[in-house]
Structure formats: C-alpha cells, structure tokens
Amino acid sequence: MELLYWCAIIFGILCLAYYIILLFYAGTGVNFAWIWCLGGLSSLCAGLLIRYVISSKLHHPTWLLSLIYLLIIIAIISFLTLEGILLLYSHHKAVADLDYLLVLGA
C-alpha cells in the first residue's frame, strides 16, 4: 500500500510539473493541456486517499488491492509499449513525394 501511495504522489507531482512547464513554454493556448492538471490533481487525491486508508487501518478486501495493482501495471506496460513503438519508428526516413505528413504531439 505504501508503494501505491508513493507512486500516486510522484505521478501527480510529475503531471503538475509538466502542466506548469507546458504553460510557461506554450502559454494558455494549448487545447489539451488541462488533462495534465486533471491527471496530477486526481493522482494527488488518490495518494491522499491511500494515505488515509493506511493510517486509519480500514479493512479493505485483498482482491480490491490486487485489482488496483493490476490496473496500474497494465497502464504502465501500455504506456511503455506505445512510447517504445513511437521511439522505434521515429528514426525512419520519410518516403519521397509524400502527400501529407502526420506530426504527433504538434
């Protein structure tokens, strides 16, 4: 449970830091920047809720904790897989005479 608390807090801080950096770099004109703020605040709230459960010694079913860990592991594996695919194909040269070019993250 303690590991889950720290993961939620660190993820929340990283999301909020990225949101602040994005605001300074690109300004408020970025359409989808709010998702980082929402994700950071949600993670911090989840971390505080986990801390409350730990400190109050509330009884929670073990299957629920296992499900939470499983969802976190699936999310991490999915993220790393997608980022790996993006990095793998980012070094390929474009074919000559393309009609269009799709830029991710633009």
PDB file of N, CA and C in Angstrom:
ATOM      1  N   MET A   1       0.826  -1.194   0.000  1.00  0.00           N
ATOM      2  CA  MET A   1       0.000   0.000   0.000  1.00  0.00           C
ATOM      3  C   MET A   1       0.869   1.256   0.000  1.00  0.00           C
ATOM      4  N   GLU A   2       1.970   1.173   0.722  1.00  0.00           N
ATOM      5  CA  GLU A   2       2.869   2.328   0.787  1.00  0.00           C
ATOM      6  C   GLU A   2       3.459   2.643  -0.589  1.00  0.00           C
ATOM      7  N   LEU A   3       3.793   1.600  -1.346  1.00  0.00           N
ATOM      8  CA  LEU A   3       4.321   1.790  -2.699  1.00  0.00           C
ATOM      9  C   LEU A   3       3.282   2.459  -3.593  1.00  0.00           C
ATOM     10  N   LEU A   4       2.038   2.053  -3.463  1.00  0.00           N
ATOM     11  CA  LEU A   4       0.959   2.647  -4.246  1.00  0.00           C
ATOM     12  C   LEU A   4       0.790   4.120  -3.904  1.00  0.00           C
ATOM     13  N   TYR A   5       0.921   4.454  -2.632  1.00  0.00           N
ATOM     14  CA  TYR A   5       0.837   5.851  -2.199  1.00  0.00           C
ATOM     15  C   TYR A   5       1.921   6.692  -2.868  1.00  0.00           C
ATOM     16  N   TRP A   6       3.160   6.206  -2.807  1.00  0.00           N
ATOM     17  CA  TRP A   6       4.271   6.975  -3.367  1.00  0.00           C
ATOM     18  C   TRP A   6       4.185   7.078  -4.885  1.00  0.00           C
ATOM     19  N   CYS A   7       3.720   6.016  -5.540  1.00  0.00           N
ATOM     20  CA  CYS A   7       3.543   6.080  -7.000  1.00  0.00           C
ATOM     21  C   CYS A   7       2.518   7.141  -7.374  1.00  0.00           C
ATOM     22  N   ALA A   8       1.413   7.202  -6.649  1.00  0.00           N
ATOM     23  CA  ALA A   8       0.370   8.188  -6.943  1.00  0.00           C
ATOM     24  C   ALA A   8       0.875   9.606  -6.699  1.00  0.00           C
ATOM     25  N   ILE A   9       1.593   9.823  -5.612  1.00  0.00           N
ATOM     26  CA  ILE A   9       2.100  11.158  -5.290  1.00  0.00           C
ATOM     27  C   ILE A   9       3.138  11.608  -6.324  1.00  0.00           C
ATOM     28  N   ILE A  10       4.080  10.737  -6.649  1.00  0.00           N
ATOM     29  CA  ILE A  10       5.123  11.097  -7.615  1.00  0.00           C
ATOM     30  C   ILE A  10       4.520  11.349  -8.993  1.00  0.00           C
ATOM     31  N   PHE A  11       3.584  10.498  -9.407  1.00  0.00           N
ATOM     32  CA  PHE A  11       2.933  10.700 -10.701  1.00  0.00           C
ATOM     33  C   PHE A  11       2.158  12.016 -10.719  1.00  0.00           C
ATOM     34  N   GLY A  12       1.489  12.332  -9.624  1.00  0.00           N
ATOM     35  CA  GLY A  12       0.752  13.592  -9.542  1.00  0.00           C
ATOM     36  C   GLY A  12       1.662  14.801  -9.630  1.00  0.00           C
ATOM     37  N   ILE A  13       2.788  14.745  -8.947  1.00  0.00           N
ATOM     38  CA  ILE A  13       3.743  15.853  -8.984  1.00  0.00           C
ATOM     39  C   ILE A  13       4.333  16.008 -10.386  1.00  0.00           C
ATOM     40  N   LEU A  14       4.666  14.886 -11.031  1.00  0.00           N
ATOM     41  CA  LEU A  14       5.206  14.954 -12.392  1.00  0.00           C
ATOM     42  C   LEU A  14       4.187  15.530 -13.376  1.00  0.00           C
ATOM     43  N   CYS A  15       2.930  15.130 -13.247  1.00  0.00           N
ATOM     44  CA  CYS A  15       1.894  15.665 -14.142  1.00  0.00           C
ATOM     45  C   CYS A  15       1.721  17.164 -13.937  1.00  0.00           C
ATOM     46  N   LEU A  16       1.682  17.608 -12.687  1.00  0.00           N
ATOM     47  CA  LEU A  16       1.521  19.040 -12.424  1.00  0.00           C
ATOM     48  C   LEU A  16       2.746  19.829 -12.877  1.00  0.00           C
ATOM     49  N   ALA A  17       3.940  19.260 -12.694  1.00  0.00           N
ATOM     50  CA  ALA A  17       5.154  19.937 -13.161  1.00  0.00           C
ATOM     51  C   ALA A  17       5.147  20.059 -14.683  1.00  0.00           C
ATOM     52  N   TYR A  18       4.722  19.011 -15.370  1.00  0.00           N
ATOM     53  CA  TYR A  18       4.641  19.069 -16.829  1.00  0.00           C
ATOM     54  C   TYR A  18       3.614  20.105 -17.267  1.00  0.00           C
ATOM     55  N   TYR A  19       2.511  20.184 -16.565  1.00  0.00           N
ATOM     56  CA  TYR A  19       1.475  21.172 -16.882  1.00  0.00           C
ATOM     57  C   TYR A  19       2.018  22.593 -16.726  1.00  0.00           C
ATOM     58  N   ILE A  20       2.748  22.844 -15.651  1.00  0.00           N
ATOM     59  CA  ILE A  20       3.313  24.179 -15.410  1.00  0.00           C
ATOM     60  C   ILE A  20       4.359  24.515 -16.479  1.00  0.00           C
ATOM     61  N   ILE A  21       5.222  23.561 -16.800  1.00  0.00           N
ATOM     62  CA  ILE A  21       6.228  23.784 -17.846  1.00  0.00           C
ATOM     63  C   ILE A  21       5.549  24.042 -19.186  1.00  0.00           C
ATOM     64  N   LEU A  22       4.502  23.296 -19.476  1.00  0.00           N
ATOM     65  CA  LEU A  22       3.759  23.485 -20.722  1.00  0.00           C
ATOM     66  C   LEU A  22       3.121  24.864 -20.786  1.00  0.00           C
ATOM     67  N   LEU A  23       2.610  25.341 -19.660  1.00  0.00           N
ATOM     68  CA  LEU A  23       2.018  26.682 -19.635  1.00  0.00           C
ATOM     69  C   LEU A  23       3.072  27.760 -19.875  1.00  0.00           C
ATOM     70  N   PHE A  24       4.247  27.609 -19.256  1.00  0.00           N
ATOM     71  CA  PHE A  24       5.306  28.597 -19.459  1.00  0.00           C
ATOM     72  C   PHE A  24       5.850  28.556 -20.883  1.00  0.00           C
ATOM     73  N   TYR A  25       5.956  27.363 -21.438  1.00  0.00           N
ATOM     74  CA  TYR A  25       6.540  27.220 -22.769  1.00  0.00           C
ATOM     75  C   TYR A  25       5.568  27.633 -23.875  1.00  0.00           C
ATOM     76  N   ALA A  26       4.331  27.133 -23.814  1.00  0.00           N
ATOM     77  CA  ALA A  26       3.392  27.344 -24.918  1.00  0.00           C
ATOM     78  C   ALA A  26       2.266  28.319 -24.587  1.00  0.00           C
ATOM     79  N   GLY A  27       2.133  28.681 -23.336  1.00  0.00           N
ATOM     80  CA  GLY A  27       1.055  29.594 -22.960  1.00  0.00           C
ATOM     81  C   GLY A  27      -0.265  28.862 -22.762  1.00  0.00           C
ATOM     82  N   THR A  28      -1.306  29.635 -22.585  1.00  0.00           N
ATOM     83  CA  THR A  28      -2.613  29.043 -22.311  1.00  0.00           C
ATOM     84  C   THR A  28      -3.352  28.638 -23.576  1.00  0.00           C
ATOM     85  N   GLY A  29      -2.739  28.797 -24.721  1.00  0.00           N
ATOM     86  CA  GLY A  29      -3.390  28.469 -25.980  1.00  0.00           C
ATOM     87  C   GLY A  29      -3.380  26.990 -26.322  1.00  0.00           C
ATOM     88  N   VAL A  30      -2.724  26.169 -25.517  1.00  0.00           N
ATOM     89  CA  VAL A  30      -2.675  24.739 -25.781  1.00  0.00           C
ATOM     90  C   VAL A  30      -4.024  24.132 -25.387  1.00  0.00           C
ATOM     91  N   ASN A  31      -4.659  23.476 -26.327  1.00  0.00           N
ATOM     92  CA  ASN A  31      -6.019  22.992 -26.109  1.00  0.00           C
ATOM     93  C   ASN A  31      -6.120  21.843 -25.116  1.00  0.00           C
ATOM     94  N   PHE A  32      -5.156  20.959 -25.106  1.00  0.00           N
ATOM     95  CA  PHE A  32      -5.283  19.732 -24.325  1.00  0.00           C
ATOM     96  C   PHE A  32      -4.405  19.734 -23.075  1.00  0.00           C
ATOM     97  N   ALA A  33      -3.907  20.888 -22.664  1.00  0.00           N
ATOM     98  CA  ALA A  33      -3.003  20.947 -21.512  1.00  0.00           C
ATOM     99  C   ALA A  33      -3.718  20.642 -20.202  1.00  0.00           C
ATOM    100  N   TRP A  34      -4.996  20.902 -20.138  1.00  0.00           N
ATOM    101  CA  TRP A  34      -5.742  20.701 -18.894  1.00  0.00           C
ATOM    102  C   TRP A  34      -5.743  19.245 -18.441  1.00  0.00           C
ATOM    103  N   ILE A  35      -5.537  18.300 -19.364  1.00  0.00           N
ATOM    104  CA  ILE A  35      -5.563  16.891 -18.986  1.00  0.00           C
ATOM    105  C   ILE A  35      -4.413  16.569 -18.029  1.00  0.00           C
ATOM    106  N   TRP A  36      -3.285  17.285 -18.159  1.00  0.00           N
ATOM    107  CA  TRP A  36      -2.157  17.069 -17.255  1.00  0.00           C
ATOM    108  C   TRP A  36      -2.468  17.591 -15.864  1.00  0.00           C
ATOM    109  N   CYS A  37      -3.141  18.718 -15.793  1.00  0.00           N
ATOM    110  CA  CYS A  37      -3.546  19.262 -14.498  1.00  0.00           C
ATOM    111  C   CYS A  37      -4.563  18.333 -13.835  1.00  0.00           C
ATOM    112  N   LEU A  38      -5.527  17.873 -14.599  1.00  0.00           N
ATOM    113  CA  LEU A  38      -6.548  16.969 -14.075  1.00  0.00           C
ATOM    114  C   LEU A  38      -5.929  15.655 -13.611  1.00  0.00           C
ATOM    115  N   GLY A  39      -5.020  15.110 -14.408  1.00  0.00           N
ATOM    116  CA  GLY A  39      -4.352  13.870 -14.025  1.00  0.00           C
ATOM    117  C   GLY A  39      -3.508  14.028 -12.774  1.00  0.00           C
ATOM    118  N   GLY A  40      -2.808  15.158 -12.666  1.00  0.00           N
ATOM    119  CA  GLY A  40      -1.986  15.409 -11.486  1.00  0.00           C
ATOM    120  C   GLY A  40      -2.811  15.569 -10.226  1.00  0.00           C
ATOM    121  N   LEU A  41      -3.873  16.342 -10.319  1.00  0.00           N
ATOM    122  CA  LEU A  41      -4.735  16.534  -9.151  1.00  0.00           C
ATOM    123  C   LEU A  41      -5.441  15.239  -8.760  1.00  0.00           C
ATOM    124  N   SER A  42      -5.871  14.465  -9.747  1.00  0.00           N
ATOM    125  CA  SER A  42      -6.515  13.181  -9.455  1.00  0.00           C
ATOM    126  C   SER A  42      -5.546  12.224  -8.770  1.00  0.00           C
ATOM    127  N   SER A  43      -4.315  12.193  -9.242  1.00  0.00           N
ATOM    128  CA  SER A  43      -3.318  11.313  -8.636  1.00  0.00           C
ATOM    129  C   SER A  43      -2.980  11.745  -7.212  1.00  0.00           C
ATOM    130  N   LEU A  44      -2.868  13.043  -7.000  1.00  0.00           N
ATOM    131  CA  LEU A  44      -2.600  13.520  -5.640  1.00  0.00           C
ATOM    132  C   LEU A  44      -3.755  13.187  -4.701  1.00  0.00           C
ATOM    133  N   CYS A  45      -4.984  13.348  -5.173  1.00  0.00           N
ATOM    134  CA  CYS A  45      -6.150  12.992  -4.348  1.00  0.00           C
ATOM    135  C   CYS A  45      -6.174  11.492  -4.059  1.00  0.00           C
ATOM    136  N   ALA A  46      -5.844  10.683  -5.069  1.00  0.00           N
ATOM    137  CA  ALA A  46      -5.791   9.237  -4.861  1.00  0.00           C
ATOM    138  C   ALA A  46      -4.705   8.884  -3.848  1.00  0.00           C
ATOM    139  N   GLY A  47      -3.562   9.557  -3.929  1.00  0.00           N
ATOM    140  CA  GLY A  47      -2.493   9.314  -2.964  1.00  0.00           C
ATOM    141  C   GLY A  47      -2.903   9.677  -1.549  1.00  0.00           C
ATOM    142  N   LEU A  48      -3.592  10.799  -1.401  1.00  0.00           N
ATOM    143  CA  LEU A  48      -4.063  11.192  -0.070  1.00  0.00           C
ATOM    144  C   LEU A  48      -5.113  10.219   0.459  1.00  0.00           C
ATOM    145  N   LEU A  49      -5.965   9.714  -0.414  1.00  0.00           N
ATOM    146  CA  LEU A  49      -6.957   8.722  -0.006  1.00  0.00           C
ATOM    147  C   LEU A  49      -6.277   7.425   0.425  1.00  0.00           C
ATOM    148  N   ILE A  50      -5.249   7.024  -0.303  1.00  0.00           N
ATOM    149  CA  ILE A  50      -4.496   5.825   0.066  1.00  0.00           C
ATOM    150  C   ILE A  50      -3.818   6.024   1.414  1.00  0.00           C
ATOM    151  N   ARG A  51      -3.245   7.208   1.638  1.00  0.00           N
ATOM    152  CA  ARG A  51      -2.607   7.505   2.928  1.00  0.00           C
ATOM    153  C   ARG A  51      -3.629   7.430   4.063  1.00  0.00           C
ATOM    154  N   TYR A  52      -4.841   7.923   3.814  1.00  0.00           N
ATOM    155  CA  TYR A  52      -5.902   7.865   4.825  1.00  0.00           C
ATOM    156  C   TYR A  52      -6.263   6.419   5.146  1.00  0.00           C
ATOM    157  N   VAL A  53      -6.363   5.587   4.117  1.00  0.00           N
ATOM    158  CA  VAL A  53      -6.695   4.180   4.337  1.00  0.00           C
ATOM    159  C   VAL A  53      -5.586   3.498   5.129  1.00  0.00           C
ATOM    160  N   ILE A  54      -4.335   3.827   4.827  1.00  0.00           N
ATOM    161  CA  ILE A  54      -3.209   3.232   5.551  1.00  0.00           C
ATOM    162  C   ILE A  54      -3.217   3.664   7.013  1.00  0.00           C
ATOM    163  N   SER A  55      -3.410   4.947   7.254  1.00  0.00           N
ATOM    164  CA  SER A  55      -3.308   5.459   8.622  1.00  0.00           C
ATOM    165  C   SER A  55      -4.511   5.101   9.480  1.00  0.00           C
ATOM    166  N   SER A  56      -5.677   4.919   8.886  1.00  0.00           N
ATOM    167  CA  SER A  56      -6.863   4.629   9.689  1.00  0.00           C
ATOM    168  C   SER A  56      -7.088   3.135   9.867  1.00  0.00           C
ATOM    169  N   LYS A  57      -6.245   2.342   9.281  1.00  0.00           N
ATOM    170  CA  LYS A  57      -6.322   0.882   9.393  1.00  0.00           C
ATOM    171  C   LYS A  57      -7.685   0.346   8.966  1.00  0.00           C
ATOM    172  N   LEU A  58      -8.255   0.956   7.932  1.00  0.00           N
ATOM    173  CA  LEU A  58      -9.522   0.469   7.402  1.00  0.00           C
ATOM    174  C   LEU A  58      -9.308  -0.895   6.757  1.00  0.00           C
ATOM    175  N   HIS A  59     -10.281  -1.751   6.918  1.00  0.00           N
ATOM    176  CA  HIS A  59     -10.191  -3.071   6.302  1.00  0.00           C
ATOM    177  C   HIS A  59     -10.647  -2.969   4.855  1.00  0.00           C
ATOM    178  N   HIS A  60      -9.843  -3.471   3.982  1.00  0.00           N
ATOM    179  CA  HIS A  60     -10.168  -3.466   2.565  1.00  0.00           C
ATOM    180  C   HIS A  60      -9.917  -4.871   2.025  1.00  0.00           C
ATOM    181  N   PRO A  61     -10.752  -5.292   1.104  1.00  0.00           N
ATOM    182  CA  PRO A  61     -10.573  -6.649   0.562  1.00  0.00           C
ATOM    183  C   PRO A  61      -9.276  -6.756  -0.238  1.00  0.00           C
ATOM    184  N   THR A  62      -8.628  -7.887  -0.113  1.00  0.00           N
ATOM    185  CA  THR A  62      -7.354  -8.074  -0.812  1.00  0.00           C
ATOM    186  C   THR A  62      -7.547  -8.119  -2.321  1.00  0.00           C
ATOM    187  N   TRP A  63      -8.702  -8.586  -2.790  1.00  0.00           N
ATOM    188  CA  TRP A  63      -8.939  -8.623  -4.232  1.00  0.00           C
ATOM    189  C   TRP A  63      -8.989  -7.216  -4.808  1.00  0.00           C
ATOM    190  N   LEU A  64      -9.469  -6.245  -4.016  1.00  0.00           N
ATOM    191  CA  LEU A  64      -9.530  -4.871  -4.497  1.00  0.00           C
ATOM    192  C   LEU A  64      -8.125  -4.300  -4.666  1.00  0.00           C
ATOM    193  N   LEU A  65      -7.265  -4.560  -3.704  1.00  0.00           N
ATOM    194  CA  LEU A  65      -5.880  -4.100  -3.805  1.00  0.00           C
ATOM    195  C   LEU A  65      -5.173  -4.769  -4.984  1.00  0.00           C
ATOM    196  N   SER A  66      -5.430  -6.058  -5.177  1.00  0.00           N
ATOM    197  CA  SER A  66      -4.838  -6.766  -6.318  1.00  0.00           C
ATOM    198  C   SER A  66      -5.331  -6.192  -7.637  1.00  0.00           C
ATOM    199  N   LEU A  67      -6.600  -5.835  -7.706  1.00  0.00           N
ATOM    200  CA  LEU A  67      -7.161  -5.236  -8.917  1.00  0.00           C
ATOM    201  C   LEU A  67      -6.529  -3.878  -9.201  1.00  0.00           C
ATOM    202  N   ILE A  68      -6.323  -3.088  -8.167  1.00  0.00           N
ATOM    203  CA  ILE A  68      -5.697  -1.773  -8.337  1.00  0.00           C
ATOM    204  C   ILE A  68      -4.267  -1.929  -8.847  1.00  0.00           C
ATOM    205  N   TYR A  69      -3.515  -2.846  -8.247  1.00  0.00           N
ATOM    206  CA  TYR A  69      -2.151  -3.085  -8.710  1.00  0.00           C
ATOM    207  C   TYR A  69      -2.140  -3.576 -10.159  1.00  0.00           C
ATOM    208  N   LEU A  70      -3.068  -4.447 -10.508  1.00  0.00           N
ATOM    209  CA  LEU A  70      -3.144  -4.959 -11.871  1.00  0.00           C
ATOM    210  C   LEU A  70      -3.432  -3.843 -12.867  1.00  0.00           C
ATOM    211  N   LEU A  71      -4.351  -2.950 -12.533  1.00  0.00           N
ATOM    212  CA  LEU A  71      -4.666  -1.834 -13.420  1.00  0.00           C
ATOM    213  C   LEU A  71      -3.471  -0.900 -13.594  1.00  0.00           C
ATOM    214  N   ILE A  72      -2.743  -0.666 -12.520  1.00  0.00           N
ATOM    215  CA  ILE A  72      -1.551   0.180 -12.605  1.00  0.00           C
ATOM    216  C   ILE A  72      -0.485  -0.483 -13.478  1.00  0.00           C
ATOM    217  N   ILE A  73      -0.290  -1.776 -13.309  1.00  0.00           N
ATOM    218  CA  ILE A  73       0.701  -2.489 -14.111  1.00  0.00           C
ATOM    219  C   ILE A  73       0.308  -2.479 -15.586  1.00  0.00           C
ATOM    220  N   ILE A  74      -0.976  -2.681 -15.885  1.00  0.00           N
ATOM    221  CA  ILE A  74      -1.449  -2.641 -17.273  1.00  0.00           C
ATOM    222  C   ILE A  74      -1.231  -1.256 -17.868  1.00  0.00           C
ATOM    223  N   ALA A  75      -1.517  -0.214 -17.097  1.00  0.00           N
ATOM    224  CA  ALA A  75      -1.327   1.155 -17.591  1.00  0.00           C
ATOM    225  C   ALA A  75       0.150   1.434 -17.873  1.00  0.00           C
ATOM    226  N   ILE A  76       1.035   1.003 -16.984  1.00  0.00           N
ATOM    227  CA  ILE A  76       2.469   1.231 -17.175  1.00  0.00           C
ATOM    228  C   ILE A  76       2.980   0.462 -18.393  1.00  0.00           C
ATOM    229  N   ILE A  77       2.572  -0.795 -18.533  1.00  0.00           N
ATOM    230  CA  ILE A  77       3.011  -1.596 -19.683  1.00  0.00           C
ATOM    231  C   ILE A  77       2.490  -0.998 -20.986  1.00  0.00           C
ATOM    232  N   SER A  78       1.240  -0.558 -20.998  1.00  0.00           N
ATOM    233  CA  SER A  78       0.670   0.061 -22.201  1.00  0.00           C
ATOM    234  C   SER A  78       1.424   1.328 -22.568  1.00  0.00           C
ATOM    235  N   PHE A  79       1.702   2.160 -21.575  1.00  0.00           N
ATOM    236  CA  PHE A  79       2.427   3.400 -21.825  1.00  0.00           C
ATOM    237  C   PHE A  79       3.818   3.121 -22.376  1.00  0.00           C
ATOM    238  N   LEU A  80       4.544   2.211 -21.739  1.00  0.00           N
ATOM    239  CA  LEU A  80       5.899   1.906 -22.189  1.00  0.00           C
ATOM    240  C   LEU A  80       5.905   1.273 -23.579  1.00  0.00           C
ATOM    241  N   THR A  81       4.921   0.441 -23.875  1.00  0.00           N
ATOM    242  CA  THR A  81       4.831  -0.167 -25.198  1.00  0.00           C
ATOM    243  C   THR A  81       4.590   0.892 -26.270  1.00  0.00           C
ATOM    244  N   LEU A  82       3.631   1.769 -26.039  1.00  0.00           N
ATOM    245  CA  LEU A  82       3.339   2.813 -27.019  1.00  0.00           C
ATOM    246  C   LEU A  82       4.515   3.768 -27.203  1.00  0.00           C
ATOM    247  N   GLU A  83       5.154   4.149 -26.126  1.00  0.00           N
ATOM    248  CA  GLU A  83       6.322   5.025 -26.235  1.00  0.00           C
ATOM    249  C   GLU A  83       7.462   4.321 -26.959  1.00  0.00           C
ATOM    250  N   GLY A  84       7.632   3.041 -26.699  1.00  0.00           N
ATOM    251  CA  GLY A  84       8.663   2.282 -27.400  1.00  0.00           C
ATOM    252  C   GLY A  84       8.408   2.209 -28.892  1.00  0.00           C
ATOM    253  N   ILE A  85       7.149   2.008 -29.271  1.00  0.00           N
ATOM    254  CA  ILE A  85       6.798   1.983 -30.695  1.00  0.00           C
ATOM    255  C   ILE A  85       7.071   3.339 -31.329  1.00  0.00           C
ATOM    256  N   LEU A  86       6.696   4.404 -30.642  1.00  0.00           N
ATOM    257  CA  LEU A  86       6.946   5.746 -31.181  1.00  0.00           C
ATOM    258  C   LEU A  86       8.438   6.010 -31.348  1.00  0.00           C
ATOM    259  N   LEU A  87       9.237   5.621 -30.367  1.00  0.00           N
ATOM    260  CA  LEU A  87      10.683   5.826 -30.470  1.00  0.00           C
ATOM    261  C   LEU A  87      11.302   4.947 -31.553  1.00  0.00           C
ATOM    262  N   LEU A  88      10.808   3.736 -31.687  1.00  0.00           N
ATOM    263  CA  LEU A  88      11.344   2.818 -32.687  1.00  0.00           C
ATOM    264  C   LEU A  88      11.129   3.343 -34.101  1.00  0.00           C
ATOM    265  N   TYR A  89       9.943   3.846 -34.370  1.00  0.00           N
ATOM    266  CA  TYR A  89       9.628   4.304 -35.720  1.00  0.00           C
ATOM    267  C   TYR A  89       9.955   5.775 -35.949  1.00  0.00           C
ATOM    268  N   SER A  90      10.450   6.458 -34.961  1.00  0.00           N
ATOM    269  CA  SER A  90      10.761   7.875 -35.147  1.00  0.00           C
ATOM    270  C   SER A  90      12.045   8.093 -35.943  1.00  0.00           C
ATOM    271  N   HIS A  91      12.856   7.074 -36.085  1.00  0.00           N
ATOM    272  CA  HIS A  91      14.126   7.211 -36.794  1.00  0.00           C
ATOM    273  C   HIS A  91      14.026   6.840 -38.269  1.00  0.00           C
ATOM    274  N   HIS A  92      12.863   6.416 -38.712  1.00  0.00           N
ATOM    275  CA  HIS A  92      12.702   6.033 -40.116  1.00  0.00           C
ATOM    276  C   HIS A  92      12.632   7.270 -40.996  1.00  0.00           C
ATOM    277  N   LYS A  93      13.197   7.151 -42.172  1.00  0.00           N
ATOM    278  CA  LYS A  93      13.151   8.245 -43.146  1.00  0.00           C
ATOM    279  C   LYS A  93      11.810   8.223 -43.868  1.00  0.00           C
ATOM    280  N   ALA A  94      11.315   9.407 -44.185  1.00  0.00           N
ATOM    281  CA  ALA A  94      10.048   9.515 -44.909  1.00  0.00           C
ATOM    282  C   ALA A  94      10.240   9.132 -46.371  1.00  0.00           C
ATOM    283  N   VAL A  95       9.209   8.572 -46.940  1.00  0.00           N
ATOM    284  CA  VAL A  95       9.218   8.218 -48.357  1.00  0.00           C
ATOM    285  C   VAL A  95       9.135   9.508 -49.168  1.00  0.00           C
ATOM    286  N   ALA A  96       9.837   9.543 -50.281  1.00  0.00           N
ATOM    287  CA  ALA A  96       9.828  10.745 -51.126  1.00  0.00           C
ATOM    288  C   ALA A  96       8.442  10.976 -51.722  1.00  0.00           C
ATOM    289  N   ASP A  97       8.121  12.228 -51.985  1.00  0.00           N
ATOM    290  CA  ASP A  97       6.861  12.650 -52.608  1.00  0.00           C
ATOM    291  C   ASP A  97       5.629  12.283 -51.778  1.00  0.00           C
ATOM    292  N   LEU A  98       5.692  12.543 -50.489  1.00  0.00           N
ATOM    293  CA  LEU A  98       4.520  12.313 -49.636  1.00  0.00           C
ATOM    294  C   LEU A  98       3.469  13.385 -49.886  1.00  0.00           C
ATOM    295  N   ASP A  99       2.213  12.988 -49.835  1.00  0.00           N
ATOM    296  CA  ASP A  99       1.129  13.955 -49.984  1.00  0.00           C
ATOM    297  C   ASP A  99       0.860  14.693 -48.673  1.00  0.00           C
ATOM    298  N   TYR A 100       1.126  14.040 -47.567  1.00  0.00           N
ATOM    299  CA  TYR A 100       0.884  14.659 -46.267  1.00  0.00           C
ATOM    300  C   TYR A 100       1.862  14.080 -45.253  1.00  0.00           C
ATOM    301  N   LEU A 101       1.958  14.755 -44.133  1.00  0.00           N
ATOM    302  CA  LEU A 101       2.831  14.314 -43.058  1.00  0.00           C
ATOM    303  C   LEU A 101       2.085  14.488 -41.752  1.00  0.00           C
ATOM    304  N   LEU A 102       2.012  13.445 -40.964  1.00  0.00           N
ATOM    305  CA  LEU A 102       1.339  13.485 -39.673  1.00  0.00           C
ATOM    306  C   LEU A 102       2.393  13.674 -38.588  1.00  0.00           C
ATOM    307  N   VAL A 103       2.264  14.730 -37.810  1.00  0.00           N
ATOM    308  CA  VAL A 103       3.211  15.015 -36.741  1.00  0.00           C
ATOM    309  C   VAL A 103       2.505  14.782 -35.415  1.00  0.00           C
ATOM    310  N   LEU A 104       2.997  13.818 -34.645  1.00  0.00           N
ATOM    311  CA  LEU A 104       2.397  13.534 -33.349  1.00  0.00           C
ATOM    312  C   LEU A 104       2.868  14.554 -32.325  1.00  0.00           C
ATOM    313  N   GLY A 105       1.958  15.008 -31.518  1.00  0.00           N
ATOM    314  CA  GLY A 105       2.309  15.939 -30.460  1.00  0.00           C
ATOM    315  C   GLY A 105       2.350  17.381 -30.891  1.00  0.00           C
ATOM    316  N   ALA A 106       1.963  17.665 -32.089  1.00  0.00           N
ATOM    317  CA  ALA A 106       2.005  19.046 -32.576  1.00  0.00           C
ATOM    318  C   ALA A 106       0.777  19.815 -32.134  1.00  0.00           C
TER     319      ALA A 106
END
